[in-house]
Amino acid sequence: MKEQLYRLLTSKKLIISDYLIRVAINKNLSLNEFLVLAYYDNSFDKIFEIELLASSLGLPLNEAMNAFNAVMVKGLVSLESIKDIESRYNEVVNLDGFYSMVLDDNYKEVQKNVESDVFRSFESELGRTMSPMELEKINDWLDRGISEELILGALKEAIYNGVTHFRYIDKIIDTWAKKGFKTMDEVNSYLKNRRDEYNREKEISKKEQEISDYDWLDEE
């Protein structure tokens, strides 16, 4: 059995991905089951031909069939009939069960890495469950050294402005990071100074307008 696996791995005919290994461990796959799953994960047409499967893996026909049935029972693959361009039906291996498990595992793994307070706050404020991509984005902010305080502050700023998609929140965080802000006190101080400056300029502009509109003939 070890010689068979060594031959397959060194032939470079199969790509063994890390997610395939994780699923194999999670589902406690036997070596034959693992090889069957790897075979179809690498196949393009995925047409079910048990003789070709057995030959490719170097397995007796009955062992190949038993391994395939086992991964079906474990919900990793299924068979469906597909009509080809010549209107003939072929049995094709569907790996949706396997891919769904990979996505679920990735979601759980990403979710574990997200600080619970940040995660709960986002779901509470947005009123929905985070997608895996959104969880990865939050992790990315944290990995970049953005404080939880700034992340939650950017979330509230986005909600205040009526825009809640992550690209907008990411833009806020990126702008604050470039200005070197570490806390919301620094952000609020900056915003206050900007407002004060705007109000001063507005007041000056208003006075200049009043002067230009003044009817100096009334001074006579």
Protein backbone atom coordinates (compact mmCIF):
# COMPACT_ATOMS: atom_id res chain seq x y z
CA MET A 1 0.00 0.00 0.00
CA LYS A 2 2.84 2.43 0.82
CA GLU A 3 4.55 1.60 -2.47
CA GLN A 4 1.30 2.34 -4.32
CA LEU A 5 0.95 5.76 -2.66
CA TYR A 6 4.63 6.54 -3.26
CA ARG A 7 4.25 5.70 -6.95
CA LEU A 8 1.23 7.97 -7.28
CA LEU A 9 2.85 10.87 -5.49
CA THR A 10 6.14 10.69 -7.37
CA SER A 11 4.40 10.34 -10.75
CA LYS A 12 3.07 13.92 -10.32
CA LYS A 13 -0.28 12.81 -11.72
CA LEU A 14 -2.18 13.89 -8.62
CA ILE A 15 -2.06 17.21 -6.79
CA ILE A 16 -2.60 16.65 -3.08
CA SER A 17 -3.90 19.89 -1.57
CA ASP A 18 -3.83 20.78 2.10
CA TYR A 19 -7.63 21.07 2.24
CA LEU A 20 -7.91 17.54 0.86
CA ILE A 21 -5.67 16.29 3.64
CA ARG A 22 -7.72 18.14 6.28
CA VAL A 23 -10.97 16.61 5.02
CA ALA A 24 -9.35 13.16 4.90
CA ILE A 25 -8.34 13.50 8.55
CA ASN A 26 -11.71 14.94 9.56
CA LYS A 27 -13.64 12.14 7.86
CA ASN A 28 -11.12 9.46 8.85
CA LEU A 29 -10.67 8.31 5.25
CA SER A 30 -8.82 5.14 4.45
CA LEU A 31 -5.93 5.36 2.02
CA ASN A 32 -8.07 4.04 -0.85
CA GLU A 33 -10.85 6.51 -0.07
CA PHE A 34 -8.32 9.33 0.08
CA LEU A 35 -6.91 8.34 -3.31
CA VAL A 36 -10.37 8.17 -4.89
CA LEU A 37 -11.19 11.67 -3.64
CA ALA A 38 -7.82 12.99 -4.83
CA TYR A 39 -8.34 11.37 -8.23
CA TYR A 40 -11.67 13.10 -8.87
CA ASP A 41 -10.47 16.37 -7.36
CA ASN A 42 -7.81 16.34 -10.09
CA SER A 43 -10.15 15.23 -12.91
CA PHE A 44 -11.64 17.69 -15.37
CA ASP A 45 -14.58 15.74 -16.86
CA LYS A 46 -15.21 13.61 -13.72
CA ILE A 47 -17.01 10.92 -15.74
CA PHE A 48 -17.51 7.83 -13.60
CA GLU A 49 -15.66 4.88 -15.09
CA ILE A 50 -14.79 2.39 -12.39
CA GLU A 51 -12.35 0.49 -14.63
CA LEU A 52 -10.40 3.67 -15.40
CA LEU A 53 -10.46 4.66 -11.72
CA ALA A 54 -9.12 1.28 -10.63
CA SER A 55 -6.45 1.27 -13.33
CA SER A 56 -5.32 4.83 -12.56
CA LEU A 57 -4.98 4.12 -8.85
CA GLY A 58 -3.51 0.65 -9.28
CA LEU A 59 -6.35 -0.93 -7.30
CA PRO A 60 -8.29 -4.14 -7.85
CA LEU A 61 -11.74 -3.37 -9.28
CA ASN A 62 -13.61 -4.39 -6.13
CA GLU A 63 -11.36 -2.26 -3.88
CA ALA A 64 -11.85 0.77 -6.11
CA MET A 65 -15.63 0.26 -6.05
CA ASN A 66 -15.69 -0.19 -2.27
CA ALA A 67 -13.62 2.98 -1.76
CA PHE A 68 -15.88 4.98 -4.08
CA ASN A 69 -19.01 3.76 -2.31
CA ALA A 70 -17.45 4.68 1.03
CA VAL A 71 -16.81 8.32 0.04
CA MET A 72 -20.38 8.47 -1.28
CA VAL A 73 -21.74 7.24 2.04
CA LYS A 74 -19.65 9.90 3.81
CA GLY A 75 -21.34 12.57 1.70
CA LEU A 76 -18.19 13.69 -0.11
CA VAL A 77 -19.24 12.70 -3.63
CA SER A 78 -22.42 11.80 -5.48
CA LEU A 79 -23.36 10.53 -8.92
CA GLU A 80 -25.57 12.39 -11.37
CA SER A 81 -26.60 11.77 -14.97
CA ILE A 82 -25.50 14.42 -17.46
CA LYS A 83 -26.45 14.57 -21.14
CA ASP A 84 -23.53 15.17 -23.49
CA ILE A 85 -23.55 17.04 -26.81
CA GLU A 86 -24.62 13.82 -28.57
CA SER A 87 -27.63 13.48 -26.22
CA ARG A 88 -26.09 10.51 -24.45
CA TYR A 89 -26.30 10.26 -20.68
CA ASN A 90 -23.12 9.78 -18.68
CA GLU A 91 -22.69 9.25 -14.97
CA VAL A 92 -20.59 12.10 -13.60
CA VAL A 93 -19.03 12.40 -10.16
CA ASN A 94 -20.22 15.48 -8.26
CA LEU A 95 -17.87 16.78 -5.53
CA ASP A 96 -20.20 19.43 -4.07
CA GLY A 97 -20.31 17.59 -0.74
CA PHE A 98 -16.53 17.66 -0.53
CA TYR A 99 -16.27 21.32 -1.53
CA SER A 100 -19.02 22.31 0.93
CA MET A 101 -17.06 20.66 3.72
CA VAL A 102 -13.91 22.55 2.68
CA LEU A 103 -15.82 25.87 2.74
CA ASP A 104 -17.41 25.08 6.11
CA ASP A 105 -14.04 24.17 7.60
CA ASN A 106 -12.46 27.36 6.25
CA TYR A 107 -15.32 29.43 7.63
CA LYS A 108 -14.94 27.89 11.09
CA GLU A 109 -11.16 28.30 11.00
CA VAL A 110 -11.39 31.96 10.00
CA GLN A 111 -14.10 32.60 12.57
CA LYS A 112 -11.89 31.19 15.33
CA ASN A 113 -9.17 33.68 14.44
CA VAL A 114 -11.45 36.70 14.68
CA GLU A 115 -11.60 38.43 18.04
CA SER A 116 -14.98 37.52 19.51
CA ASP A 117 -15.91 41.09 20.54
CA VAL A 118 -15.20 42.46 17.07
CA PHE A 119 -17.04 39.60 15.42
CA ARG A 120 -20.11 39.96 17.64
CA SER A 121 -20.16 43.72 17.18
CA PHE A 122 -20.14 43.46 13.39
CA GLU A 123 -22.92 40.89 13.33
CA SER A 124 -24.94 42.90 15.84
CA GLU A 125 -24.54 46.25 14.06
CA LEU A 126 -25.12 44.86 10.56
CA GLY A 127 -27.85 42.45 11.64
CA ARG A 128 -26.51 39.49 9.69
CA THR A 129 -23.90 36.71 9.70
CA MET A 130 -20.45 37.51 8.35
CA SER A 131 -19.30 35.81 5.15
CA PRO A 132 -15.92 33.99 5.09
CA MET A 133 -14.45 36.81 2.98
CA GLU A 134 -15.64 39.43 5.47
CA LEU A 135 -14.16 37.45 8.35
CA GLU A 136 -10.87 37.26 6.48
CA LYS A 137 -10.97 41.03 5.96
CA ILE A 138 -11.44 41.63 9.70
CA ASN A 139 -8.54 39.24 10.36
CA ASP A 140 -6.46 41.18 7.85
CA TRP A 141 -7.12 44.45 9.70
CA LEU A 142 -6.11 42.84 12.99
CA ASP A 143 -2.99 41.31 11.42
CA ARG A 144 -1.99 44.76 10.14
CA GLY A 145 -2.05 46.02 13.72
CA ILE A 146 -5.30 47.99 13.42
CA SER A 147 -6.77 48.20 16.91
CA GLU A 148 -10.20 46.76 17.68
CA GLU A 149 -11.20 50.26 18.78
CA LEU A 150 -10.45 51.72 15.33
CA ILE A 151 -12.14 48.82 13.51
CA LEU A 152 -15.33 49.24 15.51
CA GLY A 153 -15.08 53.02 15.15
CA ALA A 154 -14.87 52.66 11.36
CA LEU A 155 -17.89 50.37 11.44
CA LYS A 156 -19.93 52.96 13.37
CA GLU A 157 -18.71 55.73 11.05
CA ALA A 158 -19.88 53.71 8.03
CA ILE A 159 -23.27 53.01 9.60
CA TYR A 160 -23.64 56.72 10.49
CA ASN A 161 -23.02 57.57 6.83
CA GLY A 162 -25.51 54.94 5.69
CA VAL A 163 -22.93 52.80 3.89
CA THR A 164 -22.23 49.34 5.33
CA HIS A 165 -20.35 47.43 2.65
CA PHE A 166 -16.83 46.33 3.58
CA ARG A 167 -15.06 48.27 0.82
CA TYR A 168 -16.25 51.49 2.42
CA ILE A 169 -15.23 50.38 5.92
CA ASP A 170 -11.85 49.28 4.55
CA LYS A 171 -11.41 52.73 2.96
CA ILE A 172 -12.10 54.44 6.29
CA ILE A 173 -9.63 52.18 8.10
CA ASP A 174 -6.99 52.67 5.41
CA THR A 175 -7.36 56.47 5.59
CA TRP A 176 -7.07 56.49 9.39
CA ALA A 177 -4.07 54.13 9.26
CA LYS A 178 -2.26 56.40 6.77
CA LYS A 179 -2.80 59.36 9.12
CA GLY A 180 -1.26 57.32 11.93
CA PHE A 181 -4.35 57.18 14.15
CA LYS A 182 -4.21 54.56 16.89
CA THR A 183 -7.27 55.46 18.96
CA MET A 184 -10.72 56.94 18.38
CA ASP A 185 -9.71 59.91 20.55
CA GLU A 186 -7.15 60.80 17.88
CA VAL A 187 -9.76 60.37 15.15
CA ASN A 188 -12.34 62.48 16.98
CA SER A 189 -9.76 65.19 17.71
CA TYR A 190 -8.83 65.33 14.03
CA LEU A 191 -12.51 65.49 12.97
CA LYS A 192 -13.22 68.24 15.50
CA ASN A 193 -10.31 70.31 14.19
CA ARG A 194 -11.55 69.81 10.64
CA ARG A 195 -15.06 70.91 11.62
CA ASP A 196 -13.75 73.94 13.49
CA GLU A 197 -11.59 74.90 10.52
CA TYR A 198 -14.53 74.49 8.16
CA ASN A 199 -16.78 76.60 10.37
CA ARG A 200 -14.13 79.35 10.60
CA GLU A 201 -13.71 79.42 6.82
CA LYS A 202 -17.48 79.46 6.41
CA GLU A 203 -17.81 82.36 8.88
CA ILE A 204 -15.04 84.33 7.14
CA SER A 205 -16.68 83.72 3.77
CA LYS A 206 -20.02 84.86 5.17
CA LYS A 207 -18.55 88.11 6.54
CA GLU A 208 -16.75 88.80 3.28
CA GLN A 209 -20.02 88.33 1.44
CA GLU A 210 -21.82 90.70 3.85
CA ILE A 211 -19.17 93.35 3.23
CA SER A 212 -19.39 93.00 -0.54
CA ASP A 213 -23.18 93.21 -0.39
CA TYR A 214 -23.19 96.30 1.86
CA ASP A 215 -24.85 99.37 0.32
CA TRP A 216 -22.29 102.06 1.08
CA LEU A 217 -24.64 104.78 -0.33
CA ASP A 218 -26.69 104.40 2.83
CA GLU A 219 -23.77 105.87 4.74
CA GLU A 220 -24.53 109.31 3.32
